[in-house]
PDB file of N, CA and C in Angstrom:
ATOM      1  N   ALA A   1      -7.859 -11.876   0.647  1.00  0.00           N
ATOM      2  CA  ALA A   1      -7.061 -12.548   1.503  1.00  0.00           C
ATOM      3  C   ALA A   1      -5.986 -12.093   2.528  1.00  0.00           C
ATOM      4  N   ASN A   2      -5.810 -12.670   3.912  1.00  0.00           N
ATOM      5  CA  ASN A   2      -5.150 -12.095   5.096  1.00  0.00           C
ATOM      6  C   ASN A   2      -3.671 -12.260   4.509  1.00  0.00           C
ATOM      7  N   VAL A   3      -2.710 -11.264   4.964  1.00  0.00           N
ATOM      8  CA  VAL A   3      -1.211 -11.606   4.520  1.00  0.00           C
ATOM      9  C   VAL A   3      -0.365 -11.114   6.058  1.00  0.00           C
ATOM     10  N   ALA A   4       0.633 -11.561   5.949  1.00  0.00           N
ATOM     11  CA  ALA A   4       1.230 -11.334   7.349  1.00  0.00           C
ATOM     12  C   ALA A   4       2.812 -10.667   7.217  1.00  0.00           C
ATOM     13  N   ALA A   5       2.942 -10.079   7.896  1.00  0.00           N
ATOM     14  CA  ALA A   5       4.026  -9.171   8.030  1.00  0.00           C
ATOM     15  C   ALA A   5       5.679  -9.901   7.633  1.00  0.00           C
ATOM     16  N   GLY A   6       6.457  -9.162   7.082  1.00  0.00           N
ATOM     17  CA  GLY A   6       7.696 -10.124   6.870  1.00  0.00           C
ATOM     18  C   GLY A   6       7.675 -11.076   5.651  1.00  0.00           C
ATOM     19  N   LYS A   7       6.067 -11.641   5.144  1.00  0.00           N
ATOM     20  CA  LYS A   7       6.162 -12.637   4.384  1.00  0.00           C
ATOM     21  C   LYS A   7       6.422 -11.841   2.737  1.00  0.00           C
ATOM     22  N   ILE A   8       6.357 -13.056   1.819  1.00  0.00           N
ATOM     23  CA  ILE A   8       6.271 -12.555   0.373  1.00  0.00           C
ATOM     24  C   ILE A   8       5.322 -13.470  -0.083  1.00  0.00           C
ATOM     25  N   TYR A   9       4.428 -12.783  -1.042  1.00  0.00           N
ATOM     26  CA  TYR A   9       3.509 -13.535  -1.476  1.00  0.00           C
ATOM     27  C   TYR A   9       3.221 -13.416  -3.227  1.00  0.00           C
ATOM     28  N   ARG A  10       2.887 -14.328  -3.869  1.00  0.00           N
ATOM     29  CA  ARG A  10       2.544 -14.339  -5.293  1.00  0.00           C
ATOM     30  C   ARG A  10       1.190 -14.302  -5.563  1.00  0.00           C
ATOM     31  N   PHE A  11       0.627 -13.959  -6.447  1.00  0.00           N
ATOM     32  CA  PHE A  11      -0.745 -13.709  -6.705  1.00  0.00           C
ATOM     33  C   PHE A  11      -1.343 -13.654  -7.999  1.00  0.00           C
ATOM     34  N   GLU A  12      -2.367 -14.100  -8.348  1.00  0.00           N
ATOM     35  CA  GLU A  12      -3.241 -14.081  -9.456  1.00  0.00           C
ATOM     36  C   GLU A  12      -4.508 -13.812  -9.745  1.00  0.00           C
ATOM     37  N   ALA A  13      -5.003 -12.793 -10.670  1.00  0.00           N
ATOM     38  CA  ALA A  13      -6.526 -12.792 -10.701  1.00  0.00           C
ATOM     39  C   ALA A  13      -6.585 -13.117 -12.087  1.00  0.00           C
ATOM     40  N   LYS A  14      -7.992 -13.860 -12.219  1.00  0.00           N
ATOM     41  CA  LYS A  14      -8.342 -14.117 -13.632  1.00  0.00           C
ATOM     42  C   LYS A  14      -9.987 -13.594 -13.613  1.00  0.00           C
ATOM     43  N   LEU A  15      -9.912 -12.812 -14.351  1.00  0.00           N
ATOM     44  CA  LEU A  15     -11.443 -11.719 -14.399  1.00  0.00           C
ATOM     45  C   LEU A  15     -12.021 -11.801 -15.436  1.00  0.00           C
ATOM     46  N   TYR A  16     -13.341 -12.535 -15.521  1.00  0.00           N
ATOM     47  CA  TYR A  16     -14.229 -12.330 -16.688  1.00  0.00           C
ATOM     48  C   TYR A  16     -15.278 -10.713 -16.513  1.00  0.00           C
ATOM     49  N   THR A  17     -15.276 -10.285 -17.593  1.00  0.00           N
ATOM     50  CA  THR A  17     -15.931  -8.690 -17.112  1.00  0.00           C
ATOM     51  C   THR A  17     -17.193  -8.769 -18.012  1.00  0.00           C
ATOM     52  N   THR A  18     -18.004  -7.841 -18.046  1.00  0.00           N
ATOM     53  CA  THR A  18     -18.925  -7.371 -18.864  1.00  0.00           C
ATOM     54  C   THR A  18     -19.260  -6.052 -18.760  1.00  0.00           C
ATOM     55  N   SER A  19     -19.175  -4.946 -19.795  1.00  0.00           N
ATOM     56  CA  SER A  19     -19.286  -3.652 -19.531  1.00  0.00           C
ATOM     57  C   SER A  19     -19.874  -2.697 -20.460  1.00  0.00           C
ATOM     58  N   ASN A  20     -20.273  -1.703 -20.372  1.00  0.00           N
ATOM     59  CA  ASN A  20     -20.850  -0.901 -21.547  1.00  0.00           C
ATOM     60  C   ASN A  20     -19.644  -0.232 -22.303  1.00  0.00           C
ATOM     61  N   VAL A  21     -19.563  -0.102 -23.404  1.00  0.00           N
ATOM     62  CA  VAL A  21     -18.753   0.255 -24.322  1.00  0.00           C
ATOM     63  C   VAL A  21     -17.789   1.449 -23.857  1.00  0.00           C
ATOM     64  N   ALA A  22     -18.705   2.206 -23.474  1.00  0.00           N
ATOM     65  CA  ALA A  22     -18.171   3.826 -23.107  1.00  0.00           C
ATOM     66  C   ALA A  22     -17.600   3.459 -21.600  1.00  0.00           C
ATOM     67  N   GLY A  23     -18.090   2.724 -20.939  1.00  0.00           N
ATOM     68  CA  GLY A  23     -17.378   2.621 -19.359  1.00  0.00           C
ATOM     69  C   GLY A  23     -16.029   1.916 -19.395  1.00  0.00           C
ATOM     70  N   GLY A  24     -16.138   0.746 -19.923  1.00  0.00           N
ATOM     71  CA  GLY A  24     -14.620   0.107 -20.210  1.00  0.00           C
ATOM     72  C   GLY A  24     -14.523  -0.761 -18.613  1.00  0.00           C
ATOM     73  N   VAL A  25     -13.102  -1.050 -18.338  1.00  0.00           N
ATOM     74  CA  VAL A  25     -12.724  -1.683 -16.915  1.00  0.00           C
ATOM     75  C   VAL A  25     -11.322  -1.180 -16.747  1.00  0.00           C
ATOM     76  N   GLN A  26     -10.897  -1.153 -15.371  1.00  0.00           N
ATOM     77  CA  GLN A  26      -9.619  -1.046 -14.941  1.00  0.00           C
ATOM     78  C   GLN A  26      -9.928  -1.909 -13.522  1.00  0.00           C
ATOM     79  N   PHE A  27      -8.698  -2.019 -12.775  1.00  0.00           N
ATOM     80  CA  PHE A  27      -8.329  -3.037 -11.946  1.00  0.00           C
ATOM     81  C   PHE A  27      -7.192  -2.671 -10.913  1.00  0.00           C
ATOM     82  N   ALA A  28      -7.284  -2.782  -9.817  1.00  0.00           N
ATOM     83  CA  ALA A  28      -5.903  -2.594  -8.721  1.00  0.00           C
ATOM     84  C   ALA A  28      -5.923  -3.843  -7.888  1.00  0.00           C
ATOM     85  N   ILE A  29      -4.634  -3.613  -7.464  1.00  0.00           N
ATOM     86  CA  ILE A  29      -4.545  -4.799  -6.317  1.00  0.00           C
ATOM     87  C   ILE A  29      -4.296  -3.721  -4.892  1.00  0.00           C
ATOM     88  N   ALA A  30      -5.346  -3.828  -3.870  1.00  0.00           N
ATOM     89  CA  ALA A  30      -5.540  -2.953  -2.849  1.00  0.00           C
ATOM     90  C   ALA A  30      -5.312  -3.807  -1.483  1.00  0.00           C
ATOM     91  N   GLY A  31      -5.757  -3.106  -0.494  1.00  0.00           N
ATOM     92  CA  GLY A  31      -6.043  -3.614   1.081  1.00  0.00           C
ATOM     93  C   GLY A  31      -5.578  -3.024   1.807  1.00  0.00           C
ATOM     94  N   THR A  32      -5.417  -3.429   3.275  1.00  0.00           N
ATOM     95  CA  THR A  32      -5.121  -2.877   4.390  1.00  0.00           C
ATOM     96  C   THR A  32      -3.987  -3.225   4.768  1.00  0.00           C
ATOM     97  N   ALA A  33      -2.902  -4.475   4.078  1.00  0.00           N
ATOM     98  CA  ALA A  33      -1.782  -4.306   4.534  1.00  0.00           C
ATOM     99  C   ALA A  33      -1.101  -3.355   3.761  1.00  0.00           C
ATOM    100  N   THR A  34       0.321  -3.043   4.430  1.00  0.00           N
ATOM    101  CA  THR A  34       1.138  -2.262   3.262  1.00  0.00           C
ATOM    102  C   THR A  34       2.346  -3.115   3.004  1.00  0.00           C
ATOM    103  N   ALA A  35       2.931  -2.450   1.900  1.00  0.00           N
ATOM    104  CA  ALA A  35       3.946  -3.113   1.195  1.00  0.00           C
ATOM    105  C   ALA A  35       5.175  -2.440   1.421  1.00  0.00           C
ATOM    106  N   THR A  36       6.340  -3.503   1.637  1.00  0.00           N
ATOM    107  CA  THR A  36       7.792  -2.907   1.600  1.00  0.00           C
ATOM    108  C   THR A  36       8.131  -2.859   0.027  1.00  0.00           C
ATOM    109  N   ALA A  37       7.521  -4.044  -0.855  1.00  0.00           N
ATOM    110  CA  ALA A  37       7.618  -3.940  -2.234  1.00  0.00           C
ATOM    111  C   ALA A  37       6.752  -4.615  -2.884  1.00  0.00           C
ATOM    112  N   ILE A  38       6.053  -4.232  -4.076  1.00  0.00           N
ATOM    113  CA  ILE A  38       5.000  -4.817  -4.787  1.00  0.00           C
ATOM    114  C   ILE A  38       5.475  -4.425  -6.267  1.00  0.00           C
ATOM    115  N   ILE A  39       4.981  -5.335  -6.930  1.00  0.00           N
ATOM    116  CA  ILE A  39       4.766  -5.330  -8.544  1.00  0.00           C
ATOM    117  C   ILE A  39       3.624  -6.075  -9.047  1.00  0.00           C
ATOM    118  N   TYR A  40       3.191  -5.823 -10.012  1.00  0.00           N
ATOM    119  CA  TYR A  40       2.059  -6.524 -10.791  1.00  0.00           C
ATOM    120  C   TYR A  40       1.685  -5.983 -11.918  1.00  0.00           C
ATOM    121  N   GLU A  41       0.881  -6.507 -12.811  1.00  0.00           N
ATOM    122  CA  GLU A  41       1.032  -6.596 -14.258  1.00  0.00           C
ATOM    123  C   GLU A  41      -0.671  -6.999 -14.568  1.00  0.00           C
ATOM    124  N   GLY A  42      -1.355  -5.999 -15.508  1.00  0.00           N
ATOM    125  CA  GLY A  42      -2.505  -6.811 -15.922  1.00  0.00           C
ATOM    126  C   GLY A  42      -2.650  -6.563 -17.407  1.00  0.00           C
ATOM    127  N   LEU A  43      -3.102  -7.553 -17.829  1.00  0.00           N
ATOM    128  CA  LEU A  43      -3.298  -7.801 -19.147  1.00  0.00           C
ATOM    129  C   LEU A  43      -4.543  -8.083 -19.735  1.00  0.00           C
ATOM    130  N   THR A  44      -5.343  -7.448 -20.345  1.00  0.00           N
ATOM    131  CA  THR A  44      -6.814  -7.214 -20.475  1.00  0.00           C
ATOM    132  C   THR A  44      -6.913  -7.388 -21.998  1.00  0.00           C
ATOM    133  N   THR A  45      -7.777  -8.406 -22.640  1.00  0.00           N
ATOM    134  CA  THR A  45      -8.077  -8.837 -23.663  1.00  0.00           C
ATOM    135  C   THR A  45      -9.452  -8.655 -24.156  1.00  0.00           C
ATOM    136  N   ASP A  46      -9.771  -8.328 -25.312  1.00  0.00           N
ATOM    137  CA  ASP A  46     -11.074  -7.930 -25.753  1.00  0.00           C
ATOM    138  C   ASP A  46     -11.160  -7.894 -27.123  1.00  0.00           C
ATOM    139  N   ALA A  47     -11.696  -8.752 -27.937  1.00  0.00           N
ATOM    140  CA  ALA A  47     -11.733  -8.856 -29.530  1.00  0.00           C
ATOM    141  C   ALA A  47     -10.353  -8.900 -30.030  1.00  0.00           C
ATOM    142  N   GLY A  48      -9.534  -9.612 -29.162  1.00  0.00           N
ATOM    143  CA  GLY A  48      -8.175  -9.578 -30.095  1.00  0.00           C
ATOM    144  C   GLY A  48      -7.394  -8.580 -29.608  1.00  0.00           C
ATOM    145  N   LEU A  49      -7.541  -7.550 -29.145  1.00  0.00           N
ATOM    146  CA  LEU A  49      -7.106  -6.400 -28.457  1.00  0.00           C
ATOM    147  C   LEU A  49      -6.659  -6.652 -27.256  1.00  0.00           C
ATOM    148  N   THR A  50      -5.038  -6.654 -26.953  1.00  0.00           N
ATOM    149  CA  THR A  50      -4.432  -6.553 -25.530  1.00  0.00           C
ATOM    150  C   THR A  50      -4.031  -5.297 -25.367  1.00  0.00           C
ATOM    151  N   THR A  51      -4.465  -4.997 -24.023  1.00  0.00           N
ATOM    152  CA  THR A  51      -3.762  -3.972 -23.540  1.00  0.00           C
ATOM    153  C   THR A  51      -3.071  -4.184 -22.109  1.00  0.00           C
ATOM    154  N   GLN A  52      -1.921  -3.540 -21.738  1.00  0.00           N
ATOM    155  CA  GLN A  52      -0.909  -3.962 -20.728  1.00  0.00           C
ATOM    156  C   GLN A  52      -0.680  -2.536 -19.784  1.00  0.00           C
ATOM    157  N   GLY A  53      -0.755  -3.206 -18.511  1.00  0.00           N
ATOM    158  CA  GLY A  53      -0.543  -2.030 -17.735  1.00  0.00           C
ATOM    159  C   GLY A  53       0.427  -3.029 -16.292  1.00  0.00           C
ATOM    160  N   ARG A  54       1.693  -2.010 -15.828  1.00  0.00           N
ATOM    161  CA  ARG A  54       2.274  -2.303 -14.896  1.00  0.00           C
ATOM    162  C   ARG A  54       2.236  -1.349 -13.615  1.00  0.00           C
ATOM    163  N   ALA A  55       2.272  -1.775 -12.238  1.00  0.00           N
ATOM    164  CA  ALA A  55       2.241  -0.917 -11.193  1.00  0.00           C
ATOM    165  C   ALA A  55       3.181  -1.419 -10.063  1.00  0.00           C
ATOM    166  N   ALA A  56       3.618  -0.859  -9.270  1.00  0.00           N
ATOM    167  CA  ALA A  56       4.527  -0.723  -8.156  1.00  0.00           C
ATOM    168  C   ALA A  56       4.081  -0.115  -6.855  1.00  0.00           C
ATOM    169  N   ALA A  57       2.740   0.051  -6.936  1.00  0.00           N
ATOM    170  CA  ALA A  57       2.312   0.676  -5.706  1.00  0.00           C
ATOM    171  C   ALA A  57       1.010  -0.017  -5.617  1.00  0.00           C
ATOM    172  N   LEU A  58       0.459  -0.216  -4.341  1.00  0.00           N
ATOM    173  CA  LEU A  58      -0.969  -0.643  -4.209  1.00  0.00           C
ATOM    174  C   LEU A  58      -2.080   0.641  -4.651  1.00  0.00           C
ATOM    175  N   GLY A  59      -3.103  -0.009  -5.179  1.00  0.00           N
ATOM    176  CA  GLY A  59      -3.995   0.844  -5.663  1.00  0.00           C
ATOM    177  C   GLY A  59      -3.989   1.486  -6.819  1.00  0.00           C
ATOM    178  N   THR A  60      -2.886   1.152  -7.445  1.00  0.00           N
ATOM    179  CA  THR A  60      -2.690   1.798  -8.767  1.00  0.00           C
ATOM    180  C   THR A  60      -3.302   0.853 -10.048  1.00  0.00           C
ATOM    181  N   ALA A  61      -4.137   1.515 -10.812  1.00  0.00           N
ATOM    182  CA  ALA A  61      -4.880   0.916 -11.865  1.00  0.00           C
ATOM    183  C   ALA A  61      -4.011   0.305 -12.917  1.00  0.00           C
ATOM    184  N   VAL A  62      -4.171  -1.050 -13.227  1.00  0.00           N
ATOM    185  CA  VAL A  62      -3.640  -1.794 -14.711  1.00  0.00           C
ATOM    186  C   VAL A  62      -4.671  -2.171 -15.307  1.00  0.00           C
ATOM    187  N   GLY A  63      -4.585  -2.703 -16.691  1.00  0.00           N
ATOM    188  CA  GLY A  63      -5.398  -3.057 -17.374  1.00  0.00           C
ATOM    189  C   GLY A  63      -6.678  -2.187 -17.693  1.00  0.00           C
ATOM    190  N   ALA A  64      -6.411  -1.008 -17.843  1.00  0.00           N
ATOM    191  CA  ALA A  64      -7.609  -0.161 -18.095  1.00  0.00           C
ATOM    192  C   ALA A  64      -7.955   0.028 -19.495  1.00  0.00           C
ATOM    193  N   VAL A  65      -9.168   0.002 -19.972  1.00  0.00           N
ATOM    194  CA  VAL A  65      -9.405   0.286 -21.182  1.00  0.00           C
ATOM    195  C   VAL A  65     -10.861   0.542 -21.398  1.00  0.00           C
ATOM    196  N   THR A  66     -11.078   1.264 -22.493  1.00  0.00           N
ATOM    197  CA  THR A  66     -12.427   1.608 -22.660  1.00  0.00           C
ATOM    198  C   THR A  66     -12.924   1.075 -24.025  1.00  0.00           C
ATOM    199  N   ALA A  67     -14.127   1.110 -24.664  1.00  0.00           N
ATOM    200  CA  ALA A  67     -14.410   0.637 -25.559  1.00  0.00           C
ATOM    201  C   ALA A  67     -14.246  -1.037 -25.775  1.00  0.00           C
ATOM    202  N   VAL A  68     -14.741  -1.631 -24.523  1.00  0.00           N
ATOM    203  CA  VAL A  68     -14.597  -3.050 -24.518  1.00  0.00           C
ATOM    204  C   VAL A  68     -16.086  -3.473 -24.034  1.00  0.00           C
ATOM    205  N   THR A  69     -16.635  -4.607 -24.010  1.00  0.00           N
ATOM    206  CA  THR A  69     -17.822  -5.163 -23.651  1.00  0.00           C
ATOM    207  C   THR A  69     -17.524  -6.479 -23.014  1.00  0.00           C
ATOM    208  N   ALA A  70     -16.714  -7.129 -23.217  1.00  0.00           N
ATOM    209  CA  ALA A  70     -16.647  -8.519 -22.830  1.00  0.00           C
ATOM    210  C   ALA A  70     -15.075  -8.858 -22.554  1.00  0.00           C
ATOM    211  N   ALA A  71     -14.287  -8.028 -21.486  1.00  0.00           N
ATOM    212  CA  ALA A  71     -12.871  -7.927 -21.601  1.00  0.00           C
ATOM    213  C   ALA A  71     -12.496  -9.233 -20.519  1.00  0.00           C
ATOM    214  N   TYR A  72     -11.448  -9.997 -20.655  1.00  0.00           N
ATOM    215  CA  TYR A  72     -10.694 -10.902 -19.864  1.00  0.00           C
ATOM    216  C   TYR A  72      -9.677 -10.304 -19.211  1.00  0.00           C
ATOM    217  N   THR A  73      -9.128 -10.115 -18.278  1.00  0.00           N
ATOM    218  CA  THR A  73      -8.162  -9.496 -17.539  1.00  0.00           C
ATOM    219  C   THR A  73      -7.413 -10.522 -16.693  1.00  0.00           C
ATOM    220  N   VAL A  74      -6.107 -10.568 -16.791  1.00  0.00           N
ATOM    221  CA  VAL A  74      -4.943 -11.489 -15.867  1.00  0.00           C
ATOM    222  C   VAL A  74      -4.170 -10.438 -15.366  1.00  0.00           C
ATOM    223  N   ILE A  75      -4.291 -10.582 -13.980  1.00  0.00           N
ATOM    224  CA  ILE A  75      -3.078  -9.791 -13.252  1.00  0.00           C
ATOM    225  C   ILE A  75      -2.096 -10.778 -12.402  1.00  0.00           C
ATOM    226  N   THR A  76      -1.106 -10.592 -12.618  1.00  0.00           N
ATOM    227  CA  THR A  76      -0.054 -11.450 -11.718  1.00  0.00           C
ATOM    228  C   THR A  76       0.991 -10.323 -10.964  1.00  0.00           C
ATOM    229  N   GLY A  77       1.613 -10.699  -9.870  1.00  0.00           N
ATOM    230  CA  GLY A  77       2.432 -10.173  -9.358  1.00  0.00           C
ATOM    231  C   GLY A  77       3.030 -10.749  -7.901  1.00  0.00           C
ATOM    232  N   THR A  78       3.934  -9.852  -7.194  1.00  0.00           N
ATOM    233  CA  THR A  78       4.068 -10.373  -5.995  1.00  0.00           C
ATOM    234  C   THR A  78       4.273  -9.097  -5.113  1.00  0.00           C
ATOM    235  N   ILE A  79       4.219  -9.512  -3.757  1.00  0.00           N
ATOM    236  CA  ILE A  79       4.258  -8.281  -2.814  1.00  0.00           C
ATOM    237  C   ILE A  79       5.069  -8.966  -1.160  1.00  0.00           C
ATOM    238  N   THR A  80       5.899  -8.022  -0.943  1.00  0.00           N
ATOM    239  CA  THR A  80       6.539  -8.202   0.378  1.00  0.00           C
ATOM    240  C   THR A  80       5.789  -7.426   1.276  1.00  0.00           C
ATOM    241  N   VAL A  81       5.255  -8.100   2.282  1.00  0.00           N
ATOM    242  CA  VAL A  81       4.552  -7.522   3.183  1.00  0.00           C
ATOM    243  C   VAL A  81       5.157  -7.011   4.210  1.00  0.00           C
ATOM    244  N   ASN A  82       4.723  -5.682   4.628  1.00  0.00           N
ATOM    245  CA  ASN A  82       5.658  -4.964   5.828  1.00  0.00           C
ATOM    246  C   ASN A  82       4.785  -4.802   6.802  1.00  0.00           C
ATOM    247  N   ALA A  83       3.410  -4.357   6.874  1.00  0.00           N
ATOM    248  CA  ALA A  83       2.470  -4.646   8.089  1.00  0.00           C
ATOM    249  C   ALA A  83       1.524  -5.568   7.626  1.00  0.00           C
ATOM    250  N   ALA A  84       1.091  -6.359   8.436  1.00  0.00           N
ATOM    251  CA  ALA A  84      -0.222  -7.417   8.044  1.00  0.00           C
ATOM    252  C   ALA A  84      -1.508  -6.520   7.995  1.00  0.00           C
ATOM    253  N   GLY A  85      -2.193  -7.400   7.174  1.00  0.00           N
ATOM    254  CA  GLY A  85      -3.740  -6.887   6.783  1.00  0.00           C
ATOM    255  C   GLY A  85      -4.281  -7.852   5.703  1.00  0.00           C
ATOM    256  N   THR A  86      -4.891  -7.431   4.899  1.00  0.00           N
ATOM    257  CA  THR A  86      -5.605  -7.753   3.688  1.00  0.00           C
ATOM    258  C   THR A  86      -5.138  -7.419   2.230  1.00  0.00           C
ATOM    259  N   ILE A  87      -5.137  -8.485   1.446  1.00  0.00           N
ATOM    260  CA  ILE A  87      -5.043  -7.851   0.037  1.00  0.00           C
ATOM    261  C   ILE A  87      -6.145  -8.405  -0.785  1.00  0.00           C
ATOM    262  N   THR A  88      -6.439  -7.562  -1.528  1.00  0.00           N
ATOM    263  CA  THR A  88      -7.733  -7.557  -2.394  1.00  0.00           C
ATOM    264  C   THR A  88      -7.611  -6.958  -3.993  1.00  0.00           C
ATOM    265  N   CYS A  89      -8.671  -7.496  -4.704  1.00  0.00           N
ATOM    266  CA  CYS A  89      -8.466  -7.061  -6.298  1.00  0.00           C
ATOM    267  C   CYS A  89      -9.475  -6.315  -6.349  1.00  0.00           C
ATOM    268  N   GLN A  90      -9.469  -5.008  -6.749  1.00  0.00           N
ATOM    269  CA  GLN A  90     -10.614  -4.222  -7.102  1.00  0.00           C
ATOM    270  C   GLN A  90     -10.839  -3.939  -8.650  1.00  0.00           C
ATOM    271  N   PHE A  91     -11.945  -3.497  -8.709  1.00  0.00           N
ATOM    272  CA  PHE A  91     -12.545  -3.392 -10.222  1.00  0.00           C
ATOM    273  C   PHE A  91     -13.352  -2.011 -10.294  1.00  0.00           C
ATOM    274  N   ALA A  92     -13.216  -1.373 -11.541  1.00  0.00           N
ATOM    275  CA  ALA A  92     -14.076  -0.319 -11.389  1.00  0.00           C
ATOM    276  C   ALA A  92     -14.337   0.080 -12.892  1.00  0.00           C
ATOM    277  N   GLN A  93     -15.161   0.959 -13.345  1.00  0.00           N
ATOM    278  CA  GLN A  93     -15.319   1.309 -14.749  1.00  0.00           C
ATOM    279  C   GLN A  93     -14.272   2.337 -15.102  1.00  0.00           C
ATOM    280  N   ASN A  94     -13.570   2.446 -16.270  1.00  0.00           N
ATOM    281  CA  ASN A  94     -12.277   3.029 -16.588  1.00  0.00           C
ATOM    282  C   ASN A  94     -12.937   4.630 -16.959  1.00  0.00           C
ATOM    283  N   ALA A  95     -14.234   4.587 -17.493  1.00  0.00           N
ATOM    284  CA  ALA A  95     -14.877   6.177 -17.645  1.00  0.00           C
ATOM    285  C   ALA A  95     -16.005   6.007 -16.951  1.00  0.00           C
ATOM    286  N   SER A  96     -16.383   6.995 -16.148  1.00  0.00           N
ATOM    287  CA  SER A  96     -17.798   6.959 -15.464  1.00  0.00           C
ATOM    288  C   SER A  96     -18.917   6.562 -16.471  1.00  0.00           C
ATOM    289  N   ASN A  97     -19.781   5.748 -16.090  1.00  0.00           N
ATOM    290  CA  ASN A  97     -20.711   5.473 -17.378  1.00  0.00           C
ATOM    291  C   ASN A  97     -22.132   5.185 -16.382  1.00  0.00           C
ATOM    292  N   GLY A  98     -23.125   5.317 -16.708  1.00  0.00           N
ATOM    293  CA  GLY A  98     -24.490   5.074 -15.840  1.00  0.00           C
ATOM    294  C   GLY A  98     -24.686   3.339 -15.911  1.00  0.00           C
ATOM    295  N   ALA A  99     -24.411   2.813 -17.207  1.00  0.00           N
ATOM    296  CA  ALA A  99     -24.519   1.460 -17.351  1.00  0.00           C
ATOM    297  C   ALA A  99     -23.606   0.519 -16.461  1.00  0.00           C
ATOM    298  N   ALA A 100     -24.032  -0.326 -16.225  1.00  0.00           N
ATOM    299  CA  ALA A 100     -23.608  -1.567 -15.121  1.00  0.00           C
ATOM    300  C   ALA A 100     -22.360  -2.041 -15.734  1.00  0.00           C
ATOM    301  N   SER A 101     -21.329  -2.289 -15.016  1.00  0.00           N
ATOM    302  CA  SER A 101     -20.204  -3.142 -15.527  1.00  0.00           C
ATOM    303  C   SER A 101     -20.273  -3.738 -14.328  1.00  0.00           C
ATOM    304  N   SER A 102     -19.448  -5.253 -14.667  1.00  0.00           N
ATOM    305  CA  SER A 102     -19.333  -6.093 -13.310  1.00  0.00           C
ATOM    306  C   SER A 102     -18.110  -7.090 -13.748  1.00  0.00           C
ATOM    307  N   VAL A 103     -17.567  -7.769 -12.741  1.00  0.00           N
ATOM    308  CA  VAL A 103     -16.915  -8.933 -12.762  1.00  0.00           C
ATOM    309  C   VAL A 103     -17.871 -10.175 -12.588  1.00  0.00           C
ATOM    310  N   LEU A 104     -17.667 -11.004 -13.574  1.00  0.00           N
ATOM    311  CA  LEU A 104     -18.662 -12.155 -13.470  1.00  0.00           C
ATOM    312  C   LEU A 104     -18.269 -13.424 -12.662  1.00  0.00           C
ATOM    313  N   VAL A 105     -19.519 -13.954 -12.340  1.00  0.00           N
ATOM    314  CA  VAL A 105     -19.274 -15.511 -11.456  1.00  0.00           C
ATOM    315  C   VAL A 105     -18.032 -16.305 -12.216  1.00  0.00           C
ATOM    316  N   GLY A 106     -17.095 -16.896 -11.760  1.00  0.00           N
ATOM    317  CA  GLY A 106     -16.292 -17.624 -12.132  1.00  0.00           C
ATOM    318  C   GLY A 106     -14.699 -17.147 -12.171  1.00  0.00           C
ATOM    319  N   SER A 107     -15.032 -15.964 -12.184  1.00  0.00           N
ATOM    320  CA  SER A 107     -13.499 -15.093 -11.893  1.00  0.00           C
ATOM    321  C   SER A 107     -12.770 -15.582 -10.422  1.00  0.00           C
ATOM    322  N   THR A 108     -11.218 -15.496 -10.351  1.00  0.00           N
ATOM    323  CA  THR A 108     -10.862 -16.078  -9.439  1.00  0.00           C
ATOM    324  C   THR A 108      -9.703 -15.053  -8.766  1.00  0.00           C
ATOM    325  N   PHE A 109      -9.330 -15.036  -7.610  1.00  0.00           N
ATOM    326  CA  PHE A 109      -8.351 -14.349  -7.218  1.00  0.00           C
ATOM    327  C   PHE A 109      -7.151 -15.244  -6.070  1.00  0.00           C
ATOM    328  N   SER A 110      -6.123 -15.777  -6.396  1.00  0.00           N
ATOM    329  CA  SER A 110      -5.335 -16.640  -5.401  1.00  0.00           C
ATOM    330  C   SER A 110      -4.111 -15.950  -5.200  1.00  0.00           C
ATOM    331  N   ILE A 111      -3.803 -16.268  -3.811  1.00  0.00           N
ATOM    332  CA  ILE A 111      -2.416 -15.470  -3.016  1.00  0.00           C
ATOM    333  C   ILE A 111      -1.743 -16.656  -2.687  1.00  0.00           C
ATOM    334  N   ILE A 112      -0.608 -16.998  -2.732  1.00  0.00           N
ATOM    335  CA  ILE A 112       0.116 -18.132  -2.148  1.00  0.00           C
ATOM    336  C   ILE A 112       1.439 -17.306  -1.558  1.00  0.00           C
ATOM    337  N   GLU A 113       1.786 -17.756  -0.364  1.00  0.00           N
ATOM    338  CA  GLU A 113       2.781 -17.337   0.446  1.00  0.00           C
ATOM    339  C   GLU A 113       4.289 -18.250  -0.390  1.00  0.00           C
ATOM    340  N   MET A 114       5.247 -17.182  -0.586  1.00  0.00           N
ATOM    341  CA  MET A 114       6.572 -17.985  -1.461  1.00  0.00           C
ATOM    342  C   MET A 114       7.415 -18.267  -0.261  1.00  0.00           C
ATOM    343  N   LEU A 115       8.030 -19.636  -0.101  1.00  0.00           N
ATOM    344  CA  LEU A 115       8.713 -19.980   0.901  1.00  0.00           C
ATOM    345  C   LEU A 115      10.330 -19.658   0.438  1.00  0.00           C
TER     346      LEU A 115
END
């Protein structure tokens, strides 16, 4: 999503994943924009266990967990944009593993300017 300098945005990602139990999942909010302030939290749930992570810098991993195969993660946060650019949600394995891990079709990322 494109964001403008001097604006404040709230964002939410709802991510359905599949992963090898040894690989797991992790997420971050990143992009080409720079932030005056940012905070976001990720809650990852799999088989009744919830893992929480919070970040105050772009590109910091949240919702990181291994030993999951069908995790669901919700990331919410706000950003005050310093320099215009893009904001995106990133995904990676929590532990390097040769088996494929992915975010599934039907996952969403929304960003809304706060007035």
